[in-house]
PDB file of N, CA and C in Angstrom:
ATOM      1  N   LEU A   1    -191.648-104.336  68.734  1.00  0.00           N
ATOM      2  CA  LEU A   1    -191.456-105.325  68.220  1.00  0.00           C
ATOM      3  C   LEU A   1    -191.009-105.332  66.197  1.00  0.00           C
ATOM      4  N   LYS A   2    -192.536-104.722  66.223  1.00  0.00           N
ATOM      5  CA  LYS A   2    -192.437-103.607  64.692  1.00  0.00           C
ATOM      6  C   LYS A   2    -191.064-103.391  64.380  1.00  0.00           C
ATOM      7  N   ARG A   3    -191.002-102.384  65.653  1.00  0.00           N
ATOM      8  CA  ARG A   3    -190.250-100.963  65.456  1.00  0.00           C
ATOM      9  C   ARG A   3    -188.996-101.927  65.081  1.00  0.00           C
ATOM     10  N   ASN A   4    -187.937-102.739  65.720  1.00  0.00           N
ATOM     11  CA  ASN A   4    -186.936-103.647  65.578  1.00  0.00           C
ATOM     12  C   ASN A   4    -186.715-104.506  64.640  1.00  0.00           C
ATOM     13  N   GLN A   5    -187.729-105.102  64.300  1.00  0.00           N
ATOM     14  CA  GLN A   5    -188.606-106.599  63.266  1.00  0.00           C
ATOM     15  C   GLN A   5    -189.363-105.196  62.527  1.00  0.00           C
ATOM     16  N   PRO A   6    -189.353-105.077  61.766  1.00  0.00           N
ATOM     17  CA  PRO A   6    -190.820-104.856  60.386  1.00  0.00           C
ATOM     18  C   PRO A   6    -190.687-105.669  59.520  1.00  0.00           C
ATOM     19  N   SER A   7    -189.673-106.249  58.968  1.00  0.00           N
ATOM     20  CA  SER A   7    -190.138-107.157  58.275  1.00  0.00           C
ATOM     21  C   SER A   7    -190.447-108.201  58.234  1.00  0.00           C
ATOM     22  N   LEU A   8    -190.569-108.153  59.498  1.00  0.00           N
ATOM     23  CA  LEU A   8    -190.675-110.099  59.949  1.00  0.00           C
ATOM     24  C   LEU A   8    -192.668-109.306  60.430  1.00  0.00           C
ATOM     25  N   TYR A   9    -192.680-108.629  61.055  1.00  0.00           N
ATOM     26  CA  TYR A   9    -193.890-108.231  61.745  1.00  0.00           C
ATOM     27  C   TYR A   9    -194.667-106.385  61.391  1.00  0.00           C
ATOM     28  N   GLN A  10    -194.734-106.897  60.004  1.00  0.00           N
ATOM     29  CA  GLN A  10    -195.511-106.307  58.668  1.00  0.00           C
ATOM     30  C   GLN A  10    -196.602-106.516  59.211  1.00  0.00           C
ATOM     31  N   TRP A  11    -197.524-107.800  59.597  1.00  0.00           N
ATOM     32  CA  TRP A  11    -198.872-108.065  59.487  1.00  0.00           C
ATOM     33  C   TRP A  11    -199.580-107.186  61.093  1.00  0.00           C
ATOM     34  N   LEU A  12    -198.939-106.664  61.904  1.00  0.00           N
ATOM     35  CA  LEU A  12    -199.209-106.836  63.303  1.00  0.00           C
ATOM     36  C   LEU A  12    -198.647-104.684  63.181  1.00  0.00           C
ATOM     37  N   TYR A  13    -200.488-105.263  63.662  1.00  0.00           N
ATOM     38  CA  TYR A  13    -200.875-103.307  63.648  1.00  0.00           C
ATOM     39  C   TYR A  13    -201.137-103.164  65.588  1.00  0.00           C
ATOM     40  N   PRO A  14    -200.535-102.232  66.199  1.00  0.00           N
ATOM     41  CA  PRO A  14    -200.458-101.677  66.950  1.00  0.00           C
ATOM     42  C   PRO A  14    -201.669-101.210  68.416  1.00  0.00           C
ATOM     43  N   VAL A  15    -201.915-101.401  69.099  1.00  0.00           N
ATOM     44  CA  VAL A  15    -203.292-101.123  69.236  1.00  0.00           C
ATOM     45  C   VAL A  15    -202.983 -99.988  70.655  1.00  0.00           C
ATOM     46  N   PRO A  16    -202.874 -99.255  70.737  1.00  0.00           N
ATOM     47  CA  PRO A  16    -203.315 -98.807  72.497  1.00  0.00           C
ATOM     48  C   PRO A  16    -204.191 -99.074  73.149  1.00  0.00           C
ATOM     49  N   GLY A  17    -203.157 -98.907  74.657  1.00  0.00           N
ATOM     50  CA  GLY A  17    -202.979 -99.340  75.224  1.00  0.00           C
ATOM     51  C   GLY A  17    -203.330-100.267  76.071  1.00  0.00           C
ATOM     52  N   ASP A  18    -203.248-101.871  75.032  1.00  0.00           N
ATOM     53  CA  ASP A  18    -203.898-103.327  74.841  1.00  0.00           C
ATOM     54  C   ASP A  18    -202.858-103.194  75.514  1.00  0.00           C
ATOM     55  N   TRP A  19    -201.967-103.361  76.156  1.00  0.00           N
ATOM     56  CA  TRP A  19    -200.682-104.085  77.387  1.00  0.00           C
ATOM     57  C   TRP A  19    -201.470-103.283  78.272  1.00  0.00           C
ATOM     58  N   HIS A  20    -202.023-102.598  78.815  1.00  0.00           N
ATOM     59  CA  HIS A  20    -202.867-102.349  80.225  1.00  0.00           C
ATOM     60  C   HIS A  20    -204.539-103.115  80.304  1.00  0.00           C
ATOM     61  N   CYS A  21    -204.310-102.952  78.298  1.00  0.00           N
ATOM     62  CA  CYS A  21    -206.202-104.089  78.996  1.00  0.00           C
ATOM     63  C   CYS A  21    -205.647-105.421  79.520  1.00  0.00           C
ATOM     64  N   MET A  22    -203.965-105.707  78.931  1.00  0.00           N
ATOM     65  CA  MET A  22    -203.986-107.950  79.366  1.00  0.00           C
ATOM     66  C   MET A  22    -203.894-107.220  80.513  1.00  0.00           C
ATOM     67  N   LYS A  23    -203.009-106.102  81.168  1.00  0.00           N
ATOM     68  CA  LYS A  23    -203.038-106.549  82.315  1.00  0.00           C
ATOM     69  C   LYS A  23    -204.018-106.371  83.844  1.00  0.00           C
ATOM     70  N   THR A  24    -204.788-105.685  83.433  1.00  0.00           N
ATOM     71  CA  THR A  24    -206.287-105.163  83.820  1.00  0.00           C
ATOM     72  C   THR A  24    -206.899-106.576  83.970  1.00  0.00           C
ATOM     73  N   LEU A  25    -207.048-106.580  82.824  1.00  0.00           N
ATOM     74  CA  LEU A  25    -208.105-108.687  82.377  1.00  0.00           C
ATOM     75  C   LEU A  25    -207.592-109.834  83.256  1.00  0.00           C
ATOM     76  N   SER A  26    -206.494-109.958  82.351  1.00  0.00           N
ATOM     77  CA  SER A  26    -205.415-111.110  83.986  1.00  0.00           C
ATOM     78  C   SER A  26    -205.769-110.284  85.097  1.00  0.00           C
ATOM     79  N   GLU A  27    -205.681-109.930  85.846  1.00  0.00           N
ATOM     80  CA  GLU A  27    -205.979-109.436  87.409  1.00  0.00           C
ATOM     81  C   GLU A  27    -207.283-109.828  87.834  1.00  0.00           C
ATOM     82  N   VAL A  28    -208.193-109.456  86.606  1.00  0.00           N
ATOM     83  CA  VAL A  28    -209.920-109.938  86.819  1.00  0.00           C
ATOM     84  C   VAL A  28    -209.781-111.239  86.546  1.00  0.00           C
ATOM     85  N   LEU A  29    -210.020-111.857  85.264  1.00  0.00           N
ATOM     86  CA  LEU A  29    -209.631-112.515  85.685  1.00  0.00           C
ATOM     87  C   LEU A  29    -208.786-113.430  86.976  1.00  0.00           C
ATOM     88  N   LYS A  30    -208.284-113.432  87.128  1.00  0.00           N
ATOM     89  CA  LYS A  30    -207.347-114.131  88.336  1.00  0.00           C
ATOM     90  C   LYS A  30    -208.841-114.035  89.419  1.00  0.00           C
ATOM     91  N   THR A  31    -208.811-112.885  89.919  1.00  0.00           N
ATOM     92  CA  THR A  31    -210.406-112.437  91.058  1.00  0.00           C
ATOM     93  C   THR A  31    -211.445-113.405  90.616  1.00  0.00           C
ATOM     94  N   LEU A  32    -211.737-112.890  89.694  1.00  0.00           N
ATOM     95  CA  LEU A  32    -213.013-113.834  89.349  1.00  0.00           C
ATOM     96  C   LEU A  32    -213.210-115.506  89.644  1.00  0.00           C
ATOM     97  N   LEU A  33    -211.943-116.260  89.509  1.00  0.00           N
ATOM     98  CA  LEU A  33    -212.102-117.277  88.765  1.00  0.00           C
ATOM     99  C   LEU A  33    -211.636-118.165  88.937  1.00  0.00           C
ATOM    100  N   TRP A  34    -210.196-118.012  90.174  1.00  0.00           N
ATOM    101  CA  TRP A  34    -208.924-118.231  90.780  1.00  0.00           C
ATOM    102  C   TRP A  34    -210.009-119.478  92.008  1.00  0.00           C
ATOM    103  N   ASP A  35    -211.343-119.419  93.061  1.00  0.00           N
ATOM    104  CA  ASP A  35    -211.365-120.280  93.887  1.00  0.00           C
ATOM    105  C   ASP A  35    -212.937-121.010  92.918  1.00  0.00           C
ATOM    106  N   GLY A  36    -212.322-120.815  91.712  1.00  0.00           N
ATOM    107  CA  GLY A  36    -214.266-121.324  91.101  1.00  0.00           C
ATOM    108  C   GLY A  36    -213.268-122.276  90.233  1.00  0.00           C
ATOM    109  N   GLY A  37    -212.145-123.432  90.061  1.00  0.00           N
ATOM    110  CA  GLY A  37    -211.886-123.846  89.871  1.00  0.00           C
ATOM    111  C   GLY A  37    -210.414-123.718  88.686  1.00  0.00           C
ATOM    112  N   LEU A  38    -209.762-122.203  88.358  1.00  0.00           N
ATOM    113  CA  LEU A  38    -208.753-122.084  87.631  1.00  0.00           C
ATOM    114  C   LEU A  38    -206.827-122.751  88.782  1.00  0.00           C
ATOM    115  N   HIS A  39    -207.311-122.290  89.723  1.00  0.00           N
ATOM    116  CA  HIS A  39    -205.627-122.786  90.484  1.00  0.00           C
ATOM    117  C   HIS A  39    -206.636-124.224  89.963  1.00  0.00           C
ATOM    118  N   GLU A  40    -207.279-125.764  90.172  1.00  0.00           N
ATOM    119  CA  GLU A  40    -207.029-126.676  90.368  1.00  0.00           C
ATOM    120  C   GLU A  40    -207.333-127.011  88.751  1.00  0.00           C
ATOM    121  N   LEU A  41    -207.095-126.717  87.981  1.00  0.00           N
ATOM    122  CA  LEU A  41    -206.722-126.456  86.877  1.00  0.00           C
ATOM    123  C   LEU A  41    -205.362-126.185  86.255  1.00  0.00           C
ATOM    124  N   ALA A  42    -204.358-125.145  86.923  1.00  0.00           N
ATOM    125  CA  ALA A  42    -202.975-125.208  86.450  1.00  0.00           C
ATOM    126  C   ALA A  42    -202.749-125.979  87.343  1.00  0.00           C
ATOM    127  N   SER A  43    -202.653-127.020  88.406  1.00  0.00           N
ATOM    128  CA  SER A  43    -201.919-127.810  89.367  1.00  0.00           C
ATOM    129  C   SER A  43    -202.046-129.442  87.817  1.00  0.00           C
ATOM    130  N   ILE A  44    -203.351-129.000  87.348  1.00  0.00           N
ATOM    131  CA  ILE A  44    -203.241-130.321  86.520  1.00  0.00           C
ATOM    132  C   ILE A  44    -203.068-129.759  85.404  1.00  0.00           C
ATOM    133  N   CYS A  45    -202.882-128.654  84.798  1.00  0.00           N
ATOM    134  CA  CYS A  45    -202.154-128.541  83.897  1.00  0.00           C
ATOM    135  C   CYS A  45    -200.643-128.580  84.038  1.00  0.00           C
ATOM    136  N   GLY A  46    -200.578-128.804  84.980  1.00  0.00           N
ATOM    137  CA  GLY A  46    -198.742-128.673  85.278  1.00  0.00           C
ATOM    138  C   GLY A  46    -198.047-127.362  84.979  1.00  0.00           C
ATOM    139  N   PHE A  47    -199.004-126.563  85.631  1.00  0.00           N
ATOM    140  CA  PHE A  47    -198.060-125.286  85.753  1.00  0.00           C
ATOM    141  C   PHE A  47    -197.843-124.549  87.290  1.00  0.00           C
ATOM    142  N   LYS A  48    -196.720-124.736  87.908  1.00  0.00           N
ATOM    143  CA  LYS A  48    -196.069-125.142  88.267  1.00  0.00           C
ATOM    144  C   LYS A  48    -195.486-123.992  89.576  1.00  0.00           C
ATOM    145  N   ARG A  49    -195.202-123.020  88.509  1.00  0.00           N
ATOM    146  CA  ARG A  49    -195.045-121.866  89.088  1.00  0.00           C
ATOM    147  C   ARG A  49    -196.398-120.666  89.984  1.00  0.00           C
ATOM    148  N   GLU A  50    -195.354-120.609  91.595  1.00  0.00           N
ATOM    149  CA  GLU A  50    -196.925-119.641  92.114  1.00  0.00           C
ATOM    150  C   GLU A  50    -197.005-118.002  91.562  1.00  0.00           C
ATOM    151  N   VAL A  51    -198.703-118.350  91.251  1.00  0.00           N
ATOM    152  CA  VAL A  51    -199.217-117.108  90.857  1.00  0.00           C
ATOM    153  C   VAL A  51    -199.776-116.116  91.516  1.00  0.00           C
ATOM    154  N   THR A  52    -199.198-115.031  91.160  1.00  0.00           N
ATOM    155  CA  THR A  52    -199.121-114.068  92.918  1.00  0.00           C
ATOM    156  C   THR A  52    -199.200-112.361  91.415  1.00  0.00           C
ATOM    157  N   LYS A  53    -198.106-112.880  90.754  1.00  0.00           N
ATOM    158  CA  LYS A  53    -198.003-111.489  89.682  1.00  0.00           C
ATOM    159  C   LYS A  53    -199.172-111.724  88.227  1.00  0.00           C
ATOM    160  N   TRP A  54    -199.691-109.750  87.535  1.00  0.00           N
ATOM    161  CA  TRP A  54    -200.651-110.593  86.661  1.00  0.00           C
ATOM    162  C   TRP A  54    -199.478-110.753  85.649  1.00  0.00           C
ATOM    163  N   GLN A  55    -198.525-110.856  85.577  1.00  0.00           N
ATOM    164  CA  GLN A  55    -197.510-111.908  84.336  1.00  0.00           C
ATOM    165  C   GLN A  55    -197.935-113.685  84.503  1.00  0.00           C
ATOM    166  N   ASP A  56    -197.934-113.686  85.641  1.00  0.00           N
ATOM    167  CA  ASP A  56    -198.117-114.660  86.615  1.00  0.00           C
ATOM    168  C   ASP A  56    -199.322-115.343  85.528  1.00  0.00           C
ATOM    169  N   ILE A  57    -200.353-114.569  86.005  1.00  0.00           N
ATOM    170  CA  ILE A  57    -201.564-115.387  85.384  1.00  0.00           C
ATOM    171  C   ILE A  57    -201.946-114.674  84.280  1.00  0.00           C
ATOM    172  N   HIS A  58    -201.520-114.508  83.320  1.00  0.00           N
ATOM    173  CA  HIS A  58    -201.317-114.340  82.349  1.00  0.00           C
ATOM    174  C   HIS A  58    -200.537-114.858  81.938  1.00  0.00           C
ATOM    175  N   SER A  59    -199.301-115.756  82.002  1.00  0.00           N
ATOM    176  CA  SER A  59    -198.469-116.697  81.574  1.00  0.00           C
ATOM    177  C   SER A  59    -199.453-118.615  81.909  1.00  0.00           C
ATOM    178  N   LEU A  60    -200.613-118.246  83.062  1.00  0.00           N
ATOM    179  CA  LEU A  60    -201.389-119.465  83.189  1.00  0.00           C
ATOM    180  C   LEU A  60    -202.254-119.249  82.059  1.00  0.00           C
ATOM    181  N   LEU A  61    -202.674-118.887  81.758  1.00  0.00           N
ATOM    182  CA  LEU A  61    -203.539-117.974  80.533  1.00  0.00           C
ATOM    183  C   LEU A  61    -203.790-119.059  79.340  1.00  0.00           C
ATOM    184  N   ILE A  62    -202.445-118.867  78.930  1.00  0.00           N
ATOM    185  CA  ILE A  62    -201.340-119.003  77.900  1.00  0.00           C
ATOM    186  C   ILE A  62    -200.743-120.602  77.596  1.00  0.00           C
ATOM    187  N   SER A  63    -201.138-120.549  79.130  1.00  0.00           N
ATOM    188  CA  SER A  63    -200.565-122.501  78.715  1.00  0.00           C
ATOM    189  C   SER A  63    -201.360-123.097  78.804  1.00  0.00           C
ATOM    190  N   LEU A  64    -202.985-122.826  79.993  1.00  0.00           N
ATOM    191  CA  LEU A  64    -204.291-123.928  79.821  1.00  0.00           C
ATOM    192  C   LEU A  64    -205.152-123.058  78.267  1.00  0.00           C
ATOM    193  N   LEU A  65    -205.145-122.172  77.348  1.00  0.00           N
ATOM    194  CA  LEU A  65    -204.844-121.330  76.046  1.00  0.00           C
ATOM    195  C   LEU A  65    -203.928-123.113  74.999  1.00  0.00           C
ATOM    196  N   GLU A  66    -203.103-123.121  74.852  1.00  0.00           N
ATOM    197  CA  GLU A  66    -201.873-123.742  75.002  1.00  0.00           C
ATOM    198  C   GLU A  66    -202.617-125.608  74.819  1.00  0.00           C
ATOM    199  N   ALA A  67    -202.856-125.413  76.274  1.00  0.00           N
ATOM    200  CA  ALA A  67    -203.646-127.488  76.218  1.00  0.00           C
ATOM    201  C   ALA A  67    -204.706-127.912  75.893  1.00  0.00           C
ATOM    202  N   LEU A  68    -205.724-126.513  75.695  1.00  0.00           N
ATOM    203  CA  LEU A  68    -207.669-127.594  75.461  1.00  0.00           C
ATOM    204  C   LEU A  68    -206.466-126.181  73.357  1.00  0.00           C
ATOM    205  N   LEU A  69    -206.619-125.903  72.939  1.00  0.00           N
ATOM    206  CA  LEU A  69    -205.943-126.322  71.034  1.00  0.00           C
ATOM    207  C   LEU A  69    -205.124-127.632  71.286  1.00  0.00           C
ATOM    208  N   ARG A  70    -204.129-128.175  72.554  1.00  0.00           N
ATOM    209  CA  ARG A  70    -203.793-129.015  72.002  1.00  0.00           C
ATOM    210  C   ARG A  70    -204.415-130.312  72.212  1.00  0.00           C
ATOM    211  N   LYS A  71    -205.511-130.063  72.632  1.00  0.00           N
ATOM    212  CA  LYS A  71    -207.325-131.555  73.132  1.00  0.00           C
ATOM    213  C   LYS A  71    -207.666-131.196  72.110  1.00  0.00           C
ATOM    214  N   ILE A  72    -208.111-129.888  71.214  1.00  0.00           N
ATOM    215  CA  ILE A  72    -208.849-129.772  70.162  1.00  0.00           C
ATOM    216  C   ILE A  72    -208.411-130.210  69.301  1.00  0.00           C
ATOM    217  N   LEU A  73    -207.184-130.080  68.629  1.00  0.00           N
ATOM    218  CA  LEU A  73    -206.441-131.033  67.435  1.00  0.00           C
ATOM    219  C   LEU A  73    -206.222-132.356  67.563  1.00  0.00           C
ATOM    220  N   LYS A  74    -206.078-132.902  68.789  1.00  0.00           N
ATOM    221  CA  LYS A  74    -205.897-134.911  68.957  1.00  0.00           C
ATOM    222  C   LYS A  74    -207.341-134.962  68.954  1.00  0.00           C
ATOM    223  N   ASP A  75    -208.847-134.030  69.672  1.00  0.00           N
ATOM    224  CA  ASP A  75    -210.181-135.341  68.585  1.00  0.00           C
ATOM    225  C   ASP A  75    -209.866-134.752  66.846  1.00  0.00           C
ATOM    226  N   VAL A  76    -209.639-133.694  66.693  1.00  0.00           N
ATOM    227  CA  VAL A  76    -210.253-133.479  65.324  1.00  0.00           C
ATOM    228  C   VAL A  76    -209.439-134.193  64.118  1.00  0.00           C
ATOM    229  N   ARG A  77    -208.517-134.951  64.555  1.00  0.00           N
ATOM    230  CA  ARG A  77    -207.115-135.289  63.904  1.00  0.00           C
ATOM    231  C   ARG A  77    -207.937-137.390  64.978  1.00  0.00           C
ATOM    232  N   ALA A  78    -208.780-137.331  65.365  1.00  0.00           N
ATOM    233  CA  ALA A  78    -209.298-138.447  65.835  1.00  0.00           C
ATOM    234  C   ALA A  78    -210.421-138.697  63.952  1.00  0.00           C
ATOM    235  N   VAL A  79    -210.847-137.574  64.356  1.00  0.00           N
ATOM    236  CA  VAL A  79    -212.632-137.394  63.666  1.00  0.00           C
ATOM    237  C   VAL A  79    -211.388-138.079  61.989  1.00  0.00           C
ATOM    238  N   ASN A  80    -211.396-137.103  61.779  1.00  0.00           N
ATOM    239  CA  ASN A  80    -210.628-136.759  59.944  1.00  0.00           C
ATOM    240  C   ASN A  80    -209.163-135.613  60.482  1.00  0.00           C
ATOM    241  N   GLU A  81    -208.826-136.836  59.823  1.00  0.00           N
ATOM    242  CA  GLU A  81    -207.151-136.997  59.669  1.00  0.00           C
ATOM    243  C   GLU A  81    -206.639-135.591  58.745  1.00  0.00           C
ATOM    244  N   VAL A  82    -206.974-135.565  56.854  1.00  0.00           N
ATOM    245  CA  VAL A  82    -207.130-135.000  56.770  1.00  0.00           C
ATOM    246  C   VAL A  82    -207.459-133.250  56.955  1.00  0.00           C
ATOM    247  N   LEU A  83    -208.557-133.300  57.615  1.00  0.00           N
ATOM    248  CA  LEU A  83    -208.331-131.839  57.877  1.00  0.00           C
ATOM    249  C   LEU A  83    -207.433-131.703  59.277  1.00  0.00           C
ATOM    250  N   PHE A  84    -207.509-132.293  60.508  1.00  0.00           N
ATOM    251  CA  PHE A  84    -206.430-132.698  60.931  1.00  0.00           C
ATOM    252  C   PHE A  84    -205.335-131.374  60.509  1.00  0.00           C
ATOM    253  N   GLU A  85    -204.490-133.159  59.411  1.00  0.00           N
ATOM    254  CA  GLU A  85    -202.650-131.564  58.617  1.00  0.00           C
ATOM    255  C   GLU A  85    -203.543-130.199  57.995  1.00  0.00           C
ATOM    256  N   LYS A  86    -204.268-130.068  58.373  1.00  0.00           N
ATOM    257  CA  LYS A  86    -204.580-128.847  57.259  1.00  0.00           C
ATOM    258  C   LYS A  86    -205.068-127.197  58.827  1.00  0.00           C
ATOM    259  N   ILE A  87    -205.336-128.396  59.967  1.00  0.00           N
ATOM    260  CA  ILE A  87    -205.372-127.118  60.689  1.00  0.00           C
ATOM    261  C   ILE A  87    -204.031-127.081  61.619  1.00  0.00           C
ATOM    262  N   ALA A  88    -202.724-128.394  61.313  1.00  0.00           N
ATOM    263  CA  ALA A  88    -202.206-128.726  62.368  1.00  0.00           C
ATOM    264  C   ALA A  88    -201.049-127.364  62.006  1.00  0.00           C
ATOM    265  N   GLY A  89    -201.063-127.453  59.882  1.00  0.00           N
ATOM    266  CA  GLY A  89    -200.691-126.807  59.523  1.00  0.00           C
ATOM    267  C   GLY A  89    -199.954-125.286  59.858  1.00  0.00           C
ATOM    268  N   ASP A  90    -201.172-124.644  59.734  1.00  0.00           N
ATOM    269  CA  ASP A  90    -201.796-123.226  59.977  1.00  0.00           C
ATOM    270  C   ASP A  90    -200.845-123.168  61.791  1.00  0.00           C
ATOM    271  N   TRP A  91    -201.547-124.206  62.557  1.00  0.00           N
ATOM    272  CA  TRP A  91    -200.796-124.079  63.856  1.00  0.00           C
ATOM    273  C   TRP A  91    -199.727-124.660  64.728  1.00  0.00           C
ATOM    274  N   LYS A  92    -198.473-124.012  63.336  1.00  0.00           N
ATOM    275  CA  LYS A  92    -197.504-124.497  63.294  1.00  0.00           C
ATOM    276  C   LYS A  92    -197.016-123.078  63.367  1.00  0.00           C
ATOM    277  N   GLU A  93    -197.522-122.695  62.056  1.00  0.00           N
ATOM    278  CA  GLU A  93    -197.781-121.042  61.907  1.00  0.00           C
ATOM    279  C   GLU A  93    -198.264-120.309  63.072  1.00  0.00           C
ATOM    280  N   LEU A  94    -199.011-120.748  63.783  1.00  0.00           N
ATOM    281  CA  LEU A  94    -199.283-119.358  64.451  1.00  0.00           C
ATOM    282  C   LEU A  94    -197.971-120.116  65.701  1.00  0.00           C
ATOM    283  N   SER A  95    -197.835-121.086  65.872  1.00  0.00           N
ATOM    284  CA  SER A  95    -196.712-121.156  67.331  1.00  0.00           C
ATOM    285  C   SER A  95    -195.547-120.624  66.971  1.00  0.00           C
ATOM    286  N   LYS A  96    -194.899-120.657  65.716  1.00  0.00           N
ATOM    287  CA  LYS A  96    -193.739-119.269  65.697  1.00  0.00           C
ATOM    288  C   LYS A  96    -193.832-118.457  65.832  1.00  0.00           C
ATOM    289  N   VAL A  97    -195.246-117.481  65.896  1.00  0.00           N
ATOM    290  CA  VAL A  97    -195.649-116.119  66.176  1.00  0.00           C
ATOM    291  C   VAL A  97    -195.180-115.924  66.810  1.00  0.00           C
ATOM    292  N   PHE A  98    -195.943-117.034  68.022  1.00  0.00           N
ATOM    293  CA  PHE A  98    -196.389-116.585  69.658  1.00  0.00           C
ATOM    294  C   PHE A  98    -194.732-116.854  69.911  1.00  0.00           C
ATOM    295  N   ASP A  99    -194.163-117.481  69.364  1.00  0.00           N
ATOM    296  CA  ASP A  99    -193.055-118.592  70.347  1.00  0.00           C
ATOM    297  C   ASP A  99    -191.469-117.154  70.453  1.00  0.00           C
ATOM    298  N   SER A 100    -191.694-116.194  69.031  1.00  0.00           N
ATOM    299  CA  SER A 100    -190.462-116.265  68.341  1.00  0.00           C
ATOM    300  C   SER A 100    -191.189-114.342  69.119  1.00  0.00           C
ATOM    301  N   SER A 101    -192.158-113.996  69.350  1.00  0.00           N
ATOM    302  CA  SER A 101    -192.703-112.793  70.542  1.00  0.00           C
ATOM    303  C   SER A 101    -192.486-113.180  71.544  1.00  0.00           C
ATOM    304  N   ARG A 102    -192.855-114.064  72.360  1.00  0.00           N
ATOM    305  CA  ARG A 102    -192.945-114.471  73.343  1.00  0.00           C
ATOM    306  C   ARG A 102    -192.101-113.746  74.635  1.00  0.00           C
ATOM    307  N   TYR A 103    -192.194-112.779  75.206  1.00  0.00           N
ATOM    308  CA  TYR A 103    -191.694-111.939  76.069  1.00  0.00           C
ATOM    309  C   TYR A 103    -190.867-111.684  76.096  1.00  0.00           C
ATOM    310  N   SER A 104    -191.029-111.069  75.012  1.00  0.00           N
ATOM    311  CA  SER A 104    -189.028-110.447  74.904  1.00  0.00           C
ATOM    312  C   SER A 104    -189.448-108.880  74.422  1.00  0.00           C
ATOM    313  N   GLY A 105    -189.869-108.494  74.857  1.00  0.00           N
ATOM    314  CA  GLY A 105    -190.055-107.473  75.446  1.00  0.00           C
ATOM    315  C   GLY A 105    -190.240-106.603  76.818  1.00  0.00           C
TER     316      GLY A 105
END
């Protein structure tokens, strides 16, 4: 990403081995958590894809993180509208970064 669009990703600092770490960690998390409720949580959150490869578990974990963050934002909004607007603005900026880089490599 940074090599192809340096001006857009000037803030990004590559970490050697990060892909391998993500791959290994995804597989370990599936092994540790799948029978502990991760499977049920995936179906509750609407994750329809069969989870067989590390890419699937990574995608599932991203989906669960997004669902968790949406729940947090909803709760914050219920408590404090001004704080919500600030957090929602930050979330929109962060979402743009994730959406533009998702599976583009």
